[in-house]
Amino acid sequence: MKVTKLSALTMAAVATLFTGSVIAQSLTKSQVQAELQQAIQNGEMIANEDGSLLRDLYPNNYPKKATVVKSKAEVQAELQQAIKEGNIVANENGALLRDLYPNNYPKQTSAVKSRADVKKDLSIAISTGNMIGNENGDLLKNLYPGKYRS
């Protein structure tokens, strides 16, 4: 029992050191300090145990996040486009007009591939290793790098 706990603790410590060194290699000290300063200025620091951010607890102490402002003409153009395509909610269930009355609106076009195109894409994916190779979603070319060309 003691050996198992010691092994688990040792593995956790080694993993932490390894992960820390990988992260440390990708950012310089000055980059980390700059990111920290930016987080402090924006209130993106965790304030308490429940994970609340300082800017959420004290919104008046931090700058407001920029919002995208659209002109009246842009909004009206988007509304007209939505009406034309039937992308307007029709009822309390959230159904769209184009779904309830499909004959009143233009058909939604989708990119449909032929069987030959799909077979060609599959052949390329098999030959390059761009196929999922395990339950974790890893690609074959990453699992067996020497077996596939780039």
Protein backbone atom coordinates (compact mmCIF):
# COMPACT_ATOMS: atom_id res chain seq x y z
CA MET A 1 0.00 0.00 0.00
CA LYS A 2 2.80 2.42 0.93
CA VAL A 3 4.70 1.58 -2.26
CA THR A 4 1.60 2.27 -4.38
CA LYS A 5 1.01 5.65 -2.75
CA LEU A 6 4.68 6.54 -3.11
CA SER A 7 4.67 5.51 -6.77
CA ALA A 8 1.54 7.53 -7.46
CA LEU A 9 3.01 10.57 -5.72
CA THR A 10 6.28 10.18 -7.58
CA MET A 11 4.48 9.89 -10.93
CA ALA A 12 2.36 12.96 -10.13
CA ALA A 13 5.47 14.96 -9.20
CA VAL A 14 7.32 13.92 -12.36
CA ALA A 15 4.28 14.71 -14.51
CA THR A 16 3.97 18.12 -12.87
CA LEU A 17 7.63 18.89 -13.42
CA PHE A 18 7.50 17.70 -17.02
CA THR A 19 4.33 19.67 -17.79
CA GLY A 20 5.73 22.74 -16.09
CA SER A 21 8.91 22.57 -18.12
CA VAL A 22 6.97 22.22 -21.38
CA ILE A 23 4.86 25.24 -20.53
CA ALA A 24 7.90 27.18 -19.38
CA GLN A 25 9.64 26.50 -22.69
CA SER A 26 6.78 27.95 -24.71
CA LEU A 27 6.59 31.29 -22.82
CA THR A 28 9.36 33.54 -21.63
CA LYS A 29 9.36 35.11 -18.19
CA SER A 30 8.60 38.52 -19.67
CA GLN A 31 5.66 37.09 -21.65
CA VAL A 32 4.21 35.51 -18.52
CA GLN A 33 4.67 38.75 -16.59
CA ALA A 34 2.98 40.72 -19.39
CA GLU A 35 0.03 38.30 -19.45
CA LEU A 36 -0.27 38.52 -15.67
CA GLN A 37 -0.25 42.32 -15.78
CA GLN A 38 -2.91 42.30 -18.50
CA ALA A 39 -5.07 39.90 -16.48
CA ILE A 40 -4.74 42.09 -13.39
CA GLN A 41 -5.68 45.23 -15.34
CA ASN A 42 -8.71 43.52 -16.92
CA GLY A 43 -9.87 41.91 -13.67
CA GLU A 44 -9.41 38.40 -15.02
CA MET A 45 -7.96 37.16 -11.75
CA ILE A 46 -9.85 34.60 -9.67
CA ALA A 47 -11.22 36.32 -6.57
CA ASN A 48 -12.45 33.44 -4.42
CA GLU A 49 -12.94 29.68 -4.13
CA ASP A 50 -15.98 29.54 -6.40
CA GLY A 51 -13.95 30.84 -9.34
CA SER A 52 -15.53 34.29 -9.61
CA LEU A 53 -13.41 36.84 -11.41
CA LEU A 54 -12.59 40.23 -9.93
CA ARG A 55 -14.25 42.04 -12.85
CA ASP A 56 -17.50 40.13 -12.16
CA LEU A 57 -17.45 41.02 -8.46
CA TYR A 58 -16.35 44.64 -8.94
CA PRO A 59 -17.38 45.68 -12.47
CA ASN A 60 -16.90 49.41 -11.83
CA ASN A 61 -13.19 48.90 -11.15
CA TYR A 62 -12.40 47.52 -14.61
CA PRO A 63 -12.86 48.70 -18.20
CA LYS A 64 -15.96 47.52 -20.02
CA LYS A 65 -15.49 44.88 -22.68
CA ALA A 66 -15.77 46.24 -26.18
CA THR A 67 -19.06 45.51 -27.89
CA VAL A 68 -19.66 45.36 -31.60
CA VAL A 69 -21.97 48.15 -32.67
CA LYS A 70 -23.97 47.81 -35.86
CA SER A 71 -25.60 50.67 -37.68
CA LYS A 72 -29.36 50.82 -38.08
CA ALA A 73 -28.94 50.10 -41.79
CA GLU A 74 -26.88 46.94 -41.07
CA VAL A 75 -29.48 45.64 -38.63
CA GLN A 76 -32.32 46.35 -41.06
CA ALA A 77 -30.41 44.61 -43.88
CA GLU A 78 -29.89 41.53 -41.69
CA LEU A 79 -33.58 41.52 -40.76
CA GLN A 80 -34.65 41.74 -44.41
CA GLN A 81 -32.30 38.87 -45.29
CA ALA A 82 -33.70 36.75 -42.44
CA ILE A 83 -37.28 37.47 -43.53
CA LYS A 84 -36.43 36.63 -47.15
CA GLU A 85 -34.85 33.29 -46.14
CA GLY A 86 -37.49 32.44 -43.52
CA ASN A 87 -35.01 32.52 -40.65
CA ILE A 88 -37.55 34.10 -38.31
CA VAL A 89 -38.85 32.27 -35.24
CA ALA A 90 -42.49 31.43 -35.88
CA ASN A 91 -43.71 30.14 -32.54
CA GLU A 92 -42.82 29.55 -28.90
CA ASN A 93 -41.23 26.20 -29.79
CA GLY A 94 -38.51 27.99 -31.73
CA ALA A 95 -39.52 26.64 -35.16
CA LEU A 96 -38.45 28.78 -38.09
CA LEU A 97 -40.85 29.95 -40.78
CA ARG A 98 -38.81 28.14 -43.47
CA ASP A 99 -39.24 24.87 -41.55
CA LEU A 100 -42.99 25.31 -41.13
CA TYR A 101 -43.62 26.57 -44.67
CA PRO A 102 -40.77 25.26 -46.84
CA ASN A 103 -42.56 26.02 -50.13
CA ASN A 104 -42.61 29.76 -49.34
CA TYR A 105 -38.81 30.07 -49.14
CA PRO A 106 -35.84 29.21 -51.36
CA LYS A 107 -34.32 25.81 -50.85
CA GLN A 108 -31.26 25.65 -48.60
CA THR A 109 -28.34 24.59 -50.76
CA SER A 110 -25.74 22.24 -49.38
CA ALA A 111 -22.51 20.94 -50.79
CA VAL A 112 -23.27 17.39 -51.87
CA LYS A 113 -20.41 15.18 -52.98
CA SER A 114 -20.77 12.38 -55.45
CA ARG A 115 -19.93 8.82 -54.45
CA ALA A 116 -16.78 9.00 -56.58
CA ASP A 117 -15.64 12.17 -54.76
CA VAL A 118 -16.19 10.53 -51.37
CA LYS A 119 -14.25 7.43 -52.46
CA LYS A 120 -11.40 9.62 -53.71
CA ASP A 121 -11.31 11.55 -50.40
CA LEU A 122 -11.30 8.29 -48.44
CA SER A 123 -8.45 6.92 -50.53
CA ILE A 124 -6.40 10.06 -49.88
CA ALA A 125 -7.16 9.95 -46.15
CA ILE A 126 -6.10 6.30 -45.95
CA SER A 127 -2.86 6.87 -47.85
CA THR A 128 -1.89 9.95 -45.80
CA GLY A 129 -2.94 8.55 -42.40
CA ASN A 130 -5.69 11.10 -41.84
CA MET A 131 -7.89 8.41 -40.30
CA ILE A 132 -8.78 8.06 -36.64
CA GLY A 133 -6.60 5.31 -35.22
CA ASN A 134 -7.92 4.83 -31.68
CA GLU A 135 -10.68 5.71 -29.27
CA ASN A 136 -8.90 8.93 -28.27
CA GLY A 137 -9.28 10.33 -31.77
CA ASP A 138 -5.57 10.25 -32.61
CA LEU A 139 -4.81 10.11 -36.31
CA LEU A 140 -2.93 7.15 -37.76
CA LYS A 141 -0.20 9.44 -39.10
CA ASN A 142 0.45 10.65 -35.54
CA LEU A 143 0.37 7.15 -34.06
CA TYR A 144 2.65 5.69 -36.74
CA PRO A 145 4.64 8.63 -38.18
CA GLY A 146 7.11 6.48 -40.13
CA LYS A 147 4.39 4.67 -42.02
CA TYR A 148 2.78 7.67 -43.77
CA ARG A 149 4.12 10.36 -46.04
CA SER A 150 3.49 13.98 -45.18
